[in-house]
C-alpha atoms as a PDB file:
ATOM      1  CA  UNK A   1     -10.972  -9.760  28.275  1.00  0.00           C
ATOM      2  CA  UNK A   2     -13.776 -10.728  25.869  1.00  0.00           C
ATOM      3  CA  UNK A   3     -12.721 -11.973  22.476  1.00  0.00           C
ATOM      4  CA  UNK A   4     -13.020  -9.726  19.429  1.00  0.00           C
ATOM      5  CA  UNK A   5     -15.794 -10.471  16.969  1.00  0.00           C
ATOM      6  CA  UNK A   6     -14.973  -8.207  14.002  1.00  0.00           C
ATOM      7  CA  UNK A   7     -13.462 -10.003  11.011  1.00  0.00           C
ATOM      8  CA  UNK A   8     -10.141  -8.474  10.026  1.00  0.00           C
ATOM      9  CA  UNK A   9      -7.869  -9.465   7.171  1.00  0.00           C
ATOM     10  CA  UNK A  10      -4.566  -8.189   5.922  1.00  0.00           C
ATOM     11  CA  UNK A  11      -1.627  -8.393   3.582  1.00  0.00           C
ATOM     12  CA  UNK A  12       2.077  -7.720   3.789  1.00  0.00           C
ATOM     13  CA  UNK A  13       3.404  -4.931   1.557  1.00  0.00           C
ATOM     14  CA  UNK A  14       6.793  -3.296   1.056  1.00  0.00           C
ATOM     15  CA  UNK A  15       8.058  -2.311   4.507  1.00  0.00           C
ATOM     16  CA  UNK A  16       4.536  -2.479   5.879  1.00  0.00           C
ATOM     17  CA  UNK A  17       1.153  -4.095   6.368  1.00  0.00           C
ATOM     18  CA  UNK A  18      -2.299  -3.502   4.932  1.00  0.00           C
ATOM     19  CA  UNK A  19      -5.324  -4.282   7.124  1.00  0.00           C
ATOM     20  CA  UNK A  20      -9.000  -4.329   6.155  1.00  0.00           C
ATOM     21  CA  UNK A  21     -11.948  -4.288   8.514  1.00  0.00           C
ATOM     22  CA  UNK A  22     -15.076  -2.373   9.518  1.00  0.00           C
ATOM     23  CA  UNK A  23     -15.454  -0.736   6.086  1.00  0.00           C
ATOM     24  CA  UNK A  24     -11.913   0.638   6.110  1.00  0.00           C
ATOM     25  CA  UNK A  25      -8.548  -0.213   4.629  1.00  0.00           C
ATOM     26  CA  UNK A  26      -5.325   1.013   6.222  1.00  0.00           C
ATOM     27  CA  UNK A  27      -1.797   0.630   4.908  1.00  0.00           C
ATOM     28  CA  UNK A  28       0.953   1.325   7.425  1.00  0.00           C
ATOM     29  CA  UNK A  29       4.506   1.679   6.118  1.00  0.00           C
ATOM     30  CA  UNK A  30       7.826   2.245   7.882  1.00  0.00           C
ATOM     31  CA  UNK A  31       9.399   5.207   6.069  1.00  0.00           C
ATOM     32  CA  UNK A  32      13.175   5.470   5.551  1.00  0.00           C
ATOM     33  CA  UNK A  33      13.327   8.035   8.394  1.00  0.00           C
ATOM     34  CA  UNK A  34      11.829   5.495  10.812  1.00  0.00           C
ATOM     35  CA  UNK A  35       8.362   7.054  11.082  1.00  0.00           C
ATOM     36  CA  UNK A  36       5.221   5.007  10.374  1.00  0.00           C
ATOM     37  CA  UNK A  37       2.971   6.463   7.686  1.00  0.00           C
ATOM     38  CA  UNK A  38      -0.666   5.323   7.808  1.00  0.00           C
ATOM     39  CA  UNK A  39      -2.935   5.634   4.772  1.00  0.00           C
ATOM     40  CA  UNK A  40      -6.576   5.133   5.795  1.00  0.00           C
ATOM     41  CA  UNK A  41      -9.424   4.856   3.301  1.00  0.00           C
ATOM     42  CA  UNK A  42     -13.131   4.082   3.506  1.00  0.00           C
ATOM     43  CA  UNK A  43     -14.134   1.148   1.309  1.00  0.00           C
ATOM     44  CA  UNK A  44     -17.448  -0.355   0.289  1.00  0.00           C
ATOM     45  CA  UNK A  45     -17.711  -3.814  -1.144  1.00  0.00           C
ATOM     46  CA  UNK A  46     -19.682  -4.282  -4.337  1.00  0.00           C
ATOM     47  CA  UNK A  47     -21.581  -6.935  -2.379  1.00  0.00           C
ATOM     48  CA  UNK A  48     -23.070  -4.155  -0.223  1.00  0.00           C
ATOM     49  CA  UNK A  49     -24.730  -2.721  -3.337  1.00  0.00           C
ATOM     50  CA  UNK A  50     -25.653  -6.109  -4.772  1.00  0.00           C
ATOM     51  CA  UNK A  51     -26.612  -8.374  -1.814  1.00  0.00           C
ATOM     52  CA  UNK A  52     -26.874 -11.434  -4.044  1.00  0.00           C
ATOM     53  CA  UNK A  53     -23.069 -11.374  -4.235  1.00  0.00           C
ATOM     54  CA  UNK A  54     -22.969 -12.242  -0.518  1.00  0.00           C
ATOM     55  CA  UNK A  55     -24.417 -15.669  -1.240  1.00  0.00           C
ATOM     56  CA  UNK A  56     -22.192 -18.745  -0.842  1.00  0.00           C
ATOM     57  CA  UNK A  57     -19.841 -19.399  -3.780  1.00  0.00           C
ATOM     58  CA  UNK A  58     -20.394 -15.894  -5.196  1.00  0.00           C
ATOM     59  CA  UNK A  59     -18.905 -14.103  -2.180  1.00  0.00           C
ATOM     60  CA  UNK A  60     -15.612 -15.918  -2.560  1.00  0.00           C
ATOM     61  CA  UNK A  61     -15.139 -14.567  -6.090  1.00  0.00           C
ATOM     62  CA  UNK A  62     -15.980 -11.033  -4.892  1.00  0.00           C
ATOM     63  CA  UNK A  63     -13.551 -11.232  -1.974  1.00  0.00           C
ATOM     64  CA  UNK A  64     -10.767 -12.517  -4.222  1.00  0.00           C
ATOM     65  CA  UNK A  65     -11.294  -9.795  -6.840  1.00  0.00           C
ATOM     66  CA  UNK A  66     -11.508  -6.977  -4.307  1.00  0.00           C
ATOM     67  CA  UNK A  67      -8.472  -8.287  -2.437  1.00  0.00           C
ATOM     68  CA  UNK A  68      -6.429  -8.182  -5.642  1.00  0.00           C
ATOM     69  CA  UNK A  69      -7.413  -4.573  -6.331  1.00  0.00           C
ATOM     70  CA  UNK A  70      -6.853  -3.346  -2.774  1.00  0.00           C
ATOM     71  CA  UNK A  71      -3.624  -5.308  -2.502  1.00  0.00           C
ATOM     72  CA  UNK A  72      -2.151  -3.721  -5.630  1.00  0.00           C
ATOM     73  CA  UNK A  73      -3.132  -0.231  -4.455  1.00  0.00           C
ATOM     74  CA  UNK A  74      -1.515  -0.861  -1.079  1.00  0.00           C
ATOM     75  CA  UNK A  75       1.631  -2.212  -2.728  1.00  0.00           C
ATOM     76  CA  UNK A  76       1.861   0.897  -4.888  1.00  0.00           C
ATOM     77  CA  UNK A  77       1.459   3.166  -1.847  1.00  0.00           C
ATOM     78  CA  UNK A  78       4.006   1.209   0.176  1.00  0.00           C
ATOM     79  CA  UNK A  79       6.571   1.323  -2.634  1.00  0.00           C
ATOM     80  CA  UNK A  80       6.273   5.096  -2.733  1.00  0.00           C
ATOM     81  CA  UNK A  81       6.428   5.607   1.048  1.00  0.00           C
ATOM     82  CA  UNK A  82       9.323   3.167   1.446  1.00  0.00           C
ATOM     83  CA  UNK A  83      11.272   5.179  -1.108  1.00  0.00           C
ATOM     84  CA  UNK A  84      11.282   2.544  -3.855  1.00  0.00           C
ATOM     85  CA  UNK A  85       9.021   4.470  -6.276  1.00  0.00           C
ATOM     86  CA  UNK A  86       8.671   8.193  -6.993  1.00  0.00           C
ATOM     87  CA  UNK A  87       4.888   8.113  -7.219  1.00  0.00           C
ATOM     88  CA  UNK A  88       1.907   5.810  -6.931  1.00  0.00           C
ATOM     89  CA  UNK A  89       0.535   4.002  -9.946  1.00  0.00           C
ATOM     90  CA  UNK A  90      -2.475   5.513 -11.693  1.00  0.00           C
ATOM     91  CA  UNK A  91      -5.726   3.556 -12.001  1.00  0.00           C
ATOM     92  CA  UNK A  92      -4.810   2.684 -15.581  1.00  0.00           C
ATOM     93  CA  UNK A  93      -1.366   1.484 -14.561  1.00  0.00           C
ATOM     94  CA  UNK A  94      -2.884  -0.570 -11.724  1.00  0.00           C
ATOM     95  CA  UNK A  95      -5.328  -2.188 -14.153  1.00  0.00           C
ATOM     96  CA  UNK A  96      -2.490  -2.993 -16.533  1.00  0.00           C
ATOM     97  CA  UNK A  97      -0.367  -4.439 -13.735  1.00  0.00           C
ATOM     98  CA  UNK A  98      -3.258  -6.598 -12.556  1.00  0.00           C
ATOM     99  CA  UNK A  99      -3.945  -7.843 -16.085  1.00  0.00           C
ATOM    100  CA  UNK A 100      -0.294  -8.812 -16.552  1.00  0.00           C
ATOM    101  CA  UNK A 101      -0.211 -10.562 -13.142  1.00  0.00           C
ATOM    102  CA  UNK A 102      -3.376 -12.550 -13.888  1.00  0.00           C
ATOM    103  CA  UNK A 103      -2.098 -13.509 -17.346  1.00  0.00           C
ATOM    104  CA  UNK A 104       1.236 -14.655 -15.895  1.00  0.00           C
ATOM    105  CA  UNK A 105      -0.576 -16.761 -13.266  1.00  0.00           C
ATOM    106  CA  UNK A 106      -2.782 -18.360 -15.934  1.00  0.00           C
ATOM    107  CA  UNK A 107       0.246 -19.223 -18.076  1.00  0.00           C
ATOM    108  CA  UNK A 108       2.244 -20.644 -15.161  1.00  0.00           C
ATOM    109  CA  UNK A 109      -0.490 -22.521 -13.311  1.00  0.00           C
ATOM    110  CA  UNK A 110      -2.981 -23.344 -16.088  1.00  0.00           C
ATOM    111  CA  UNK A 111      -1.493 -23.297 -19.598  1.00  0.00           C
ATOM    112  CA  UNK A 112       1.872 -24.940 -18.821  1.00  0.00           C
ATOM    113  CA  UNK A 113       0.609 -27.901 -16.728  1.00  0.00           C
ATOM    114  CA  UNK A 114      -2.330 -28.417 -19.110  1.00  0.00           C
ATOM    115  CA  UNK A 115      -0.049 -28.467 -22.152  1.00  0.00           C
ATOM    116  CA  UNK A 116       2.374 -30.783 -20.346  1.00  0.00           C
ATOM    117  CA  UNK A 117      -0.477 -33.226 -19.815  1.00  0.00           C
ATOM    118  CA  UNK A 118       0.187 -34.784 -23.232  1.00  0.00           C
ATOM    119  CA  UNK A 119       3.265 -36.491 -21.793  1.00  0.00           C
ATOM    120  CA  UNK A 120       1.042 -38.406 -19.363  1.00  0.00           C
ATOM    121  CA  UNK A 121      -0.446 -40.328 -22.309  1.00  0.00           C
ATOM    122  CA  UNK A 122       2.579 -42.590 -22.078  1.00  0.00           C
ATOM    123  CA  UNK A 123       1.265 -43.778 -18.718  1.00  0.00           C
ATOM    124  CA  UNK A 124      -2.503 -43.961 -19.208  1.00  0.00           C
ATOM    125  CA  UNK A 125      -5.335 -43.065 -21.560  1.00  0.00           C
ATOM    126  CA  UNK A 126      -7.979 -42.720 -18.840  1.00  0.00           C
ATOM    127  CA  UNK A 127      -9.324 -39.103 -18.920  1.00  0.00           C
ATOM    128  CA  UNK A 128      -9.830 -38.869 -15.170  1.00  0.00           C
ATOM    129  CA  UNK A 129      -6.325 -40.123 -14.419  1.00  0.00           C
ATOM    130  CA  UNK A 130      -4.862 -37.717 -16.982  1.00  0.00           C
ATOM    131  CA  UNK A 131      -6.664 -34.812 -15.319  1.00  0.00           C
ATOM    132  CA  UNK A 132      -5.542 -35.916 -11.864  1.00  0.00           C
ATOM    133  CA  UNK A 133      -1.913 -36.136 -12.986  1.00  0.00           C
ATOM    134  CA  UNK A 134      -2.168 -32.730 -14.628  1.00  0.00           C
ATOM    135  CA  UNK A 135      -3.550 -31.358 -11.358  1.00  0.00           C
ATOM    136  CA  UNK A 136      -0.706 -32.929  -9.433  1.00  0.00           C
ATOM    137  CA  UNK A 137       1.778 -31.228 -11.761  1.00  0.00           C
ATOM    138  CA  UNK A 138       0.003 -27.896 -11.213  1.00  0.00           C
ATOM    139  CA  UNK A 139       0.308 -28.343  -7.461  1.00  0.00           C
ATOM    140  CA  UNK A 140       4.025 -29.163  -7.755  1.00  0.00           C
ATOM    141  CA  UNK A 141       4.609 -26.030  -9.854  1.00  0.00           C
ATOM    142  CA  UNK A 142       2.804 -23.950  -7.226  1.00  0.00           C
ATOM    143  CA  UNK A 143       4.842 -25.406  -4.360  1.00  0.00           C
ATOM    144  CA  UNK A 144       8.072 -24.985  -6.318  1.00  0.00           C
ATOM    145  CA  UNK A 145       7.204 -21.361  -7.067  1.00  0.00           C
ATOM    146  CA  UNK A 146       6.639 -20.577  -3.372  1.00  0.00           C
ATOM    147  CA  UNK A 147       9.848 -22.373  -2.390  1.00  0.00           C
ATOM    148  CA  UNK A 148      11.810 -20.406  -4.993  1.00  0.00           C
ATOM    149  CA  UNK A 149      10.555 -16.929  -4.050  1.00  0.00           C
ATOM    150  CA  UNK A 150      10.933 -17.654  -0.336  1.00  0.00           C
ATOM    151  CA  UNK A 151      14.695 -17.865  -0.927  1.00  0.00           C
ATOM    152  CA  UNK A 152      14.895 -14.426  -2.569  1.00  0.00           C
ATOM    153  CA  UNK A 153      16.568 -11.877  -0.289  1.00  0.00           C
ATOM    154  CA  UNK A 154      14.159  -9.089  -1.220  1.00  0.00           C
ATOM    155  CA  UNK A 155      11.156 -11.223  -0.324  1.00  0.00           C
ATOM    156  CA  UNK A 156      12.425 -12.180   3.132  1.00  0.00           C
ATOM    157  CA  UNK A 157      11.443  -8.836   4.745  1.00  0.00           C
ATOM    158  CA  UNK A 158       8.028  -8.887   3.055  1.00  0.00           C
ATOM    159  CA  UNK A 159       7.446 -12.330   4.553  1.00  0.00           C
ATOM    160  CA  UNK A 160       8.521 -10.957   7.951  1.00  0.00           C
ATOM    161  CA  UNK A 161       5.784  -8.335   7.663  1.00  0.00           C
ATOM    162  CA  UNK A 162       3.460 -11.176   6.662  1.00  0.00           C
ATOM    163  CA  UNK A 163       4.326 -12.853   9.949  1.00  0.00           C
ATOM    164  CA  UNK A 164       3.711  -9.579  11.805  1.00  0.00           C
ATOM    165  CA  UNK A 165       0.290  -9.287  10.172  1.00  0.00           C
ATOM    166  CA  UNK A 166      -0.709 -12.791  11.289  1.00  0.00           C
ATOM    167  CA  UNK A 167       0.562 -12.345  14.836  1.00  0.00           C
ATOM    168  CA  UNK A 168      -1.326  -9.059  15.218  1.00  0.00           C
ATOM    169  CA  UNK A 169      -4.598 -10.512  13.925  1.00  0.00           C
ATOM    170  CA  UNK A 170      -4.198 -13.508  16.242  1.00  0.00           C
ATOM    171  CA  UNK A 171      -3.690 -11.184  19.225  1.00  0.00           C
ATOM    172  CA  UNK A 172      -6.713  -9.109  18.255  1.00  0.00           C
ATOM    173  CA  UNK A 173      -8.944 -12.151  17.801  1.00  0.00           C
ATOM    174  CA  UNK A 174      -7.819 -13.458  21.204  1.00  0.00           C
ATOM    175  CA  UNK A 175      -8.978 -10.221  22.820  1.00  0.00           C
ATOM    176  CA  UNK A 176      -5.672  -9.481  24.496  1.00  0.00           C
ATOM    177  CA  UNK A 177      -3.743  -6.199  24.524  1.00  0.00           C
ATOM    178  CA  UNK A 178      -2.273  -5.073  21.219  1.00  0.00           C
ATOM    179  CA  UNK A 179       1.213  -4.449  22.555  1.00  0.00           C
ATOM    180  CA  UNK A 180       4.389  -5.560  20.841  1.00  0.00           C
ATOM    181  CA  UNK A 181       5.241  -7.918  23.689  1.00  0.00           C
ATOM    182  CA  UNK A 182       1.841  -9.629  23.632  1.00  0.00           C
ATOM    183  CA  UNK A 183       1.580  -9.810  19.839  1.00  0.00           C
ATOM    184  CA  UNK A 184       4.994 -11.469  19.589  1.00  0.00           C
ATOM    185  CA  UNK A 185       3.758 -14.391  21.731  1.00  0.00           C
ATOM    186  CA  UNK A 186       1.292 -15.494  19.027  1.00  0.00           C
ATOM    187  CA  UNK A 187       1.859 -17.769  16.047  1.00  0.00           C
ATOM    188  CA  UNK A 188       2.877 -16.345  12.694  1.00  0.00           C
ATOM    189  CA  UNK A 189       0.622 -18.952  11.017  1.00  0.00           C
ATOM    190  CA  UNK A 190      -3.083 -18.174  10.494  1.00  0.00           C
ATOM    191  CA  UNK A 191      -5.823 -20.432   9.048  1.00  0.00           C
ATOM    192  CA  UNK A 192      -7.372 -17.641   6.925  1.00  0.00           C
ATOM    193  CA  UNK A 193      -4.116 -16.759   5.185  1.00  0.00           C
ATOM    194  CA  UNK A 194      -4.059 -16.221   1.435  1.00  0.00           C
ATOM    195  CA  UNK A 195      -1.360 -18.878   1.156  1.00  0.00           C
ATOM    196  CA  UNK A 196      -3.740 -21.452   2.632  1.00  0.00           C
ATOM    197  CA  UNK A 197      -6.483 -20.225   0.308  1.00  0.00           C
ATOM    198  CA  UNK A 198      -4.290 -20.684  -2.772  1.00  0.00           C
ATOM    199  CA  UNK A 199      -3.318 -24.178  -1.670  1.00  0.00           C
ATOM    200  CA  UNK A 200      -6.993 -25.072  -1.281  1.00  0.00           C
ATOM    201  CA  UNK A 201      -7.673 -23.604  -4.741  1.00  0.00           C
ATOM    202  CA  UNK A 202      -5.027 -25.901  -6.180  1.00  0.00           C
ATOM    203  CA  UNK A 203      -6.455 -28.973  -4.432  1.00  0.00           C
ATOM    204  CA  UNK A 204     -10.101 -28.176  -5.261  1.00  0.00           C
ATOM    205  CA  UNK A 205      -9.190 -27.566  -8.913  1.00  0.00           C
ATOM    206  CA  UNK A 206      -7.716 -31.068  -9.125  1.00  0.00           C
ATOM    207  CA  UNK A 207     -11.053 -32.637  -8.169  1.00  0.00           C
ATOM    208  CA  UNK A 208     -13.231 -30.249 -10.221  1.00  0.00           C
ATOM    209  CA  UNK A 209     -11.169 -30.611 -13.394  1.00  0.00           C
ATOM    210  CA  UNK A 210     -10.966 -34.397 -13.003  1.00  0.00           C
ATOM    211  CA  UNK A 211     -14.505 -34.756 -14.395  1.00  0.00           C
ATOM    212  CA  UNK A 212     -14.026 -32.627 -17.531  1.00  0.00           C
ATOM    213  CA  UNK A 213     -12.844 -35.406 -19.818  1.00  0.00           C
ATOM    214  CA  UNK A 214      -9.804 -34.974 -22.061  1.00  0.00           C
ATOM    215  CA  UNK A 215     -10.691 -32.819 -25.100  1.00  0.00           C
ATOM    216  CA  UNK A 216      -8.168 -30.897 -27.244  1.00  0.00           C
ATOM    217  CA  UNK A 217      -5.610 -28.590 -25.599  1.00  0.00           C
ATOM    218  CA  UNK A 218      -7.397 -25.289 -26.315  1.00  0.00           C
ATOM    219  CA  UNK A 219     -10.692 -26.600 -24.936  1.00  0.00           C
ATOM    220  CA  UNK A 220      -8.954 -27.878 -21.810  1.00  0.00           C
ATOM    221  CA  UNK A 221      -7.273 -24.528 -21.150  1.00  0.00           C
ATOM    222  CA  UNK A 222     -10.458 -22.521 -21.783  1.00  0.00           C
ATOM    223  CA  UNK A 223     -12.557 -24.809 -19.586  1.00  0.00           C
ATOM    224  CA  UNK A 224     -10.106 -24.432 -16.713  1.00  0.00           C
ATOM    225  CA  UNK A 225     -10.021 -20.643 -16.996  1.00  0.00           C
ATOM    226  CA  UNK A 226     -13.838 -20.427 -17.121  1.00  0.00           C
ATOM    227  CA  UNK A 227     -14.207 -22.679 -14.082  1.00  0.00           C
ATOM    228  CA  UNK A 228     -11.685 -20.793 -11.908  1.00  0.00           C
ATOM    229  CA  UNK A 229     -14.432 -18.595 -10.339  1.00  0.00           C
ATOM    230  CA  UNK A 230     -16.274 -21.793  -9.343  1.00  0.00           C
ATOM    231  CA  UNK A 231     -13.084 -23.234  -7.855  1.00  0.00           C
ATOM    232  CA  UNK A 232     -12.388 -19.969  -6.005  1.00  0.00           C
ATOM    233  CA  UNK A 233     -15.927 -19.889  -4.641  1.00  0.00           C
ATOM    234  CA  UNK A 234     -15.739 -23.456  -3.312  1.00  0.00           C
ATOM    235  CA  UNK A 235     -12.281 -22.832  -1.837  1.00  0.00           C
ATOM    236  CA  UNK A 236     -13.411 -19.676  -0.057  1.00  0.00           C
ATOM    237  CA  UNK A 237     -16.351 -21.452   1.574  1.00  0.00           C
ATOM    238  CA  UNK A 238     -14.040 -24.231   2.717  1.00  0.00           C
ATOM    239  CA  UNK A 239     -11.452 -21.961   4.304  1.00  0.00           C
ATOM    240  CA  UNK A 240     -14.177 -19.782   5.828  1.00  0.00           C
ATOM    241  CA  UNK A 241     -15.808 -22.793   7.477  1.00  0.00           C
ATOM    242  CA  UNK A 242     -12.509 -24.344   8.585  1.00  0.00           C
ATOM    243  CA  UNK A 243     -11.317 -21.048  10.052  1.00  0.00           C
ATOM    244  CA  UNK A 244     -14.405 -20.763  12.253  1.00  0.00           C
ATOM    245  CA  UNK A 245     -14.681 -24.378  13.335  1.00  0.00           C
ATOM    246  CA  UNK A 246     -13.063 -25.913  16.398  1.00  0.00           C
ATOM    247  CA  UNK A 247     -13.659 -29.494  15.257  1.00  0.00           C
ATOM    248  CA  UNK A 248     -10.816 -31.991  14.986  1.00  0.00           C
ATOM    249  CA  UNK A 249     -11.626 -32.536  11.296  1.00  0.00           C
ATOM    250  CA  UNK A 250     -11.318 -28.815  10.541  1.00  0.00           C
ATOM    251  CA  UNK A 251      -8.049 -28.718  12.450  1.00  0.00           C
ATOM    252  CA  UNK A 252      -6.667 -31.533  10.315  1.00  0.00           C
ATOM    253  CA  UNK A 253      -7.926 -29.921   7.093  1.00  0.00           C
ATOM    254  CA  UNK A 254      -6.125 -26.608   7.684  1.00  0.00           C
ATOM    255  CA  UNK A 255      -2.787 -28.151   8.674  1.00  0.00           C
ATOM    256  CA  UNK A 256      -1.291 -28.334   5.136  1.00  0.00           C
ATOM    257  CA  UNK A 257      -2.013 -24.624   4.656  1.00  0.00           C
ATOM    258  CA  UNK A 258      -0.382 -23.800   7.988  1.00  0.00           C
ATOM    259  CA  UNK A 259       2.682 -25.873   7.090  1.00  0.00           C
ATOM    260  CA  UNK A 260       2.953 -24.046   3.776  1.00  0.00           C
ATOM    261  CA  UNK A 261       2.890 -20.691   5.574  1.00  0.00           C
ATOM    262  CA  UNK A 262       6.277 -21.570   7.034  1.00  0.00           C
ATOM    263  CA  UNK A 263       7.536 -20.686   3.537  1.00  0.00           C
ATOM    264  CA  UNK A 264       5.579 -17.440   3.182  1.00  0.00           C
ATOM    265  CA  UNK A 265       5.977 -16.009   6.696  1.00  0.00           C
ATOM    266  CA  UNK A 266       9.111 -15.234   8.699  1.00  0.00           C
ATOM    267  CA  UNK A 267       9.509 -14.215  12.350  1.00  0.00           C
ATOM    268  CA  UNK A 268       9.075 -10.417  12.468  1.00  0.00           C
ATOM    269  CA  UNK A 269      11.109  -7.892  14.407  1.00  0.00           C
ATOM    270  CA  UNK A 270       9.429  -5.705  17.030  1.00  0.00           C
ATOM    271  CA  UNK A 271       9.543  -2.700  14.698  1.00  0.00           C
ATOM    272  CA  UNK A 272       7.557  -4.697  12.125  1.00  0.00           C
ATOM    273  CA  UNK A 273       4.938  -5.641  14.705  1.00  0.00           C
ATOM    274  CA  UNK A 274       4.595  -1.939  15.557  1.00  0.00           C
ATOM    275  CA  UNK A 275       3.697  -1.278  11.922  1.00  0.00           C
ATOM    276  CA  UNK A 276       1.132  -4.106  11.880  1.00  0.00           C
ATOM    277  CA  UNK A 277      -0.473  -2.799  15.092  1.00  0.00           C
ATOM    278  CA  UNK A 278      -0.656   0.707  13.637  1.00  0.00           C
ATOM    279  CA  UNK A 279      -2.407  -0.629  10.537  1.00  0.00           C
ATOM    280  CA  UNK A 280      -4.910  -2.701  12.526  1.00  0.00           C
ATOM    281  CA  UNK A 281      -5.650   0.103  14.995  1.00  0.00           C
ATOM    282  CA  UNK A 282      -6.492   2.445  12.125  1.00  0.00           C
ATOM    283  CA  UNK A 283      -9.336   0.249  10.841  1.00  0.00           C
ATOM    284  CA  UNK A 284     -10.935  -0.437  14.226  1.00  0.00           C
ATOM    285  CA  UNK A 285     -13.908   1.663  15.373  1.00  0.00           C
ATOM    286  CA  UNK A 286     -13.144   3.938  18.313  1.00  0.00           C
ATOM    287  CA  UNK A 287     -15.261   1.874  20.734  1.00  0.00           C
ATOM    288  CA  UNK A 288     -13.466  -1.290  19.632  1.00  0.00           C
ATOM    289  CA  UNK A 289     -10.055   0.279  20.275  1.00  0.00           C
ATOM    290  CA  UNK A 290     -11.190   1.235  23.778  1.00  0.00           C
ATOM    291  CA  UNK A 291     -12.519  -2.282  24.401  1.00  0.00           C
ATOM    292  CA  UNK A 292      -9.159  -3.690  23.354  1.00  0.00           C
ATOM    293  CA  UNK A 293      -7.410  -1.499  25.904  1.00  0.00           C
ATOM    294  CA  UNK A 294      -5.723   0.743  23.325  1.00  0.00           C
ATOM    295  CA  UNK A 295      -5.103   4.431  23.817  1.00  0.00           C
ATOM    296  CA  UNK A 296      -6.436   6.931  21.281  1.00  0.00           C
ATOM    297  CA  UNK A 297      -3.489   6.382  18.950  1.00  0.00           C
ATOM    298  CA  UNK A 298      -3.916   2.635  19.032  1.00  0.00           C
ATOM    299  CA  UNK A 299      -0.176   2.003  18.836  1.00  0.00           C
ATOM    300  CA  UNK A 300       1.465   3.495  21.940  1.00  0.00           C
ATOM    301  CA  UNK A 301       3.173   0.893  24.088  1.00  0.00           C
ATOM    302  CA  UNK A 302       4.385   2.137  27.440  1.00  0.00           C
ATOM    303  CA  UNK A 303       6.430  -1.009  28.079  1.00  0.00           C
ATOM    304  CA  UNK A 304       8.389  -0.649  24.868  1.00  0.00           C
ATOM    305  CA  UNK A 305      10.703   2.078  26.165  1.00  0.00           C
ATOM    306  CA  UNK A 306      13.616   1.002  24.004  1.00  0.00           C
ATOM    307  CA  UNK A 307      11.908   2.581  20.970  1.00  0.00           C
ATOM    308  CA  UNK A 308      12.595   6.179  20.040  1.00  0.00           C
ATOM    309  CA  UNK A 309       9.586   8.389  20.724  1.00  0.00           C
ATOM    310  CA  UNK A 310       9.427  10.279  17.434  1.00  0.00           C
ATOM    311  CA  UNK A 311       8.089   7.395  15.288  1.00  0.00           C
ATOM    312  CA  UNK A 312       5.400   6.562  17.847  1.00  0.00           C
ATOM    313  CA  UNK A 313       4.253  10.186  18.148  1.00  0.00           C
ATOM    314  CA  UNK A 314       4.118  10.530  14.361  1.00  0.00           C
ATOM    315  CA  UNK A 315       2.064   7.331  14.075  1.00  0.00           C
ATOM    316  CA  UNK A 316      -0.305   8.402  16.834  1.00  0.00           C
ATOM    317  CA  UNK A 317      -1.043  11.656  15.058  1.00  0.00           C
ATOM    318  CA  UNK A 318      -1.668   9.920  11.740  1.00  0.00           C
ATOM    319  CA  UNK A 319      -4.029   7.323  13.193  1.00  0.00           C
ATOM    320  CA  UNK A 320      -5.911   9.807  15.369  1.00  0.00           C
ATOM    321  CA  UNK A 321      -6.384  12.124  12.375  1.00  0.00           C
ATOM    322  CA  UNK A 322      -7.516   9.248  10.157  1.00  0.00           C
ATOM    323  CA  UNK A 323      -4.808   9.972   7.614  1.00  0.00           C
END
């Protein structure tokens, strides 16, 4: 079967998976009763209205910002459908949540390592070396943070859905059938993962900030915050190029990100893969689903007879109706 050419991305949510592709975003969630609820929405990137934002470096910032917004909306929906929240967050509450999350990230990964840089003066007075050591500390904090949350019991299932998302996208990109059995044969590690992107951001920031000198603390923090869009833009271009290249150099470059994904993904159960397939099928155009050998629901799997029929029928109706 010919390989798929549409670019699809995703994110794990509470008891589910969000997929984005072909101008659509779908969030599929396993409800407490076992059924799969699929929320499908049309989306238009701001870059479609302002083509200049599709240029290299700028597009990475746009993708990151839009991914944050869509990710929070999907998390809110999944929390409601999984029975953990009574209702979805309003736009104002989402904006507040995003602002708090960004502020917390800036404090943890920018302010703290930058402020701690003063202790490096005992080792050297060279500005470039001070910046490099500060960057190394930032990277260690990032790795420690991922290692810590990966051990939290509540995060384990989310990381299983993360693995299901990666496996499903791998199977789709390979052009094979989107059945549970086939999807489970693929790797849970993917070169375009957000974990890999964040690792690249950390590494790129080390080299960018190394040339900023060593001014006072406030100036250092402000300069790093202002340059984060530049760092994100460079990092996006790198991971985009590496993800599409078959060269040995690209393969070597993406390995650290793949290794790190062993912390942020876990092997998924078949029922989790079903949810990921339902989410992906919802965002594919009808002709693409047919080309992939899917039925009209996009999630039915005749070989998977051990499953109870009710969840599959409910999912099929939701996907076919575009709900």
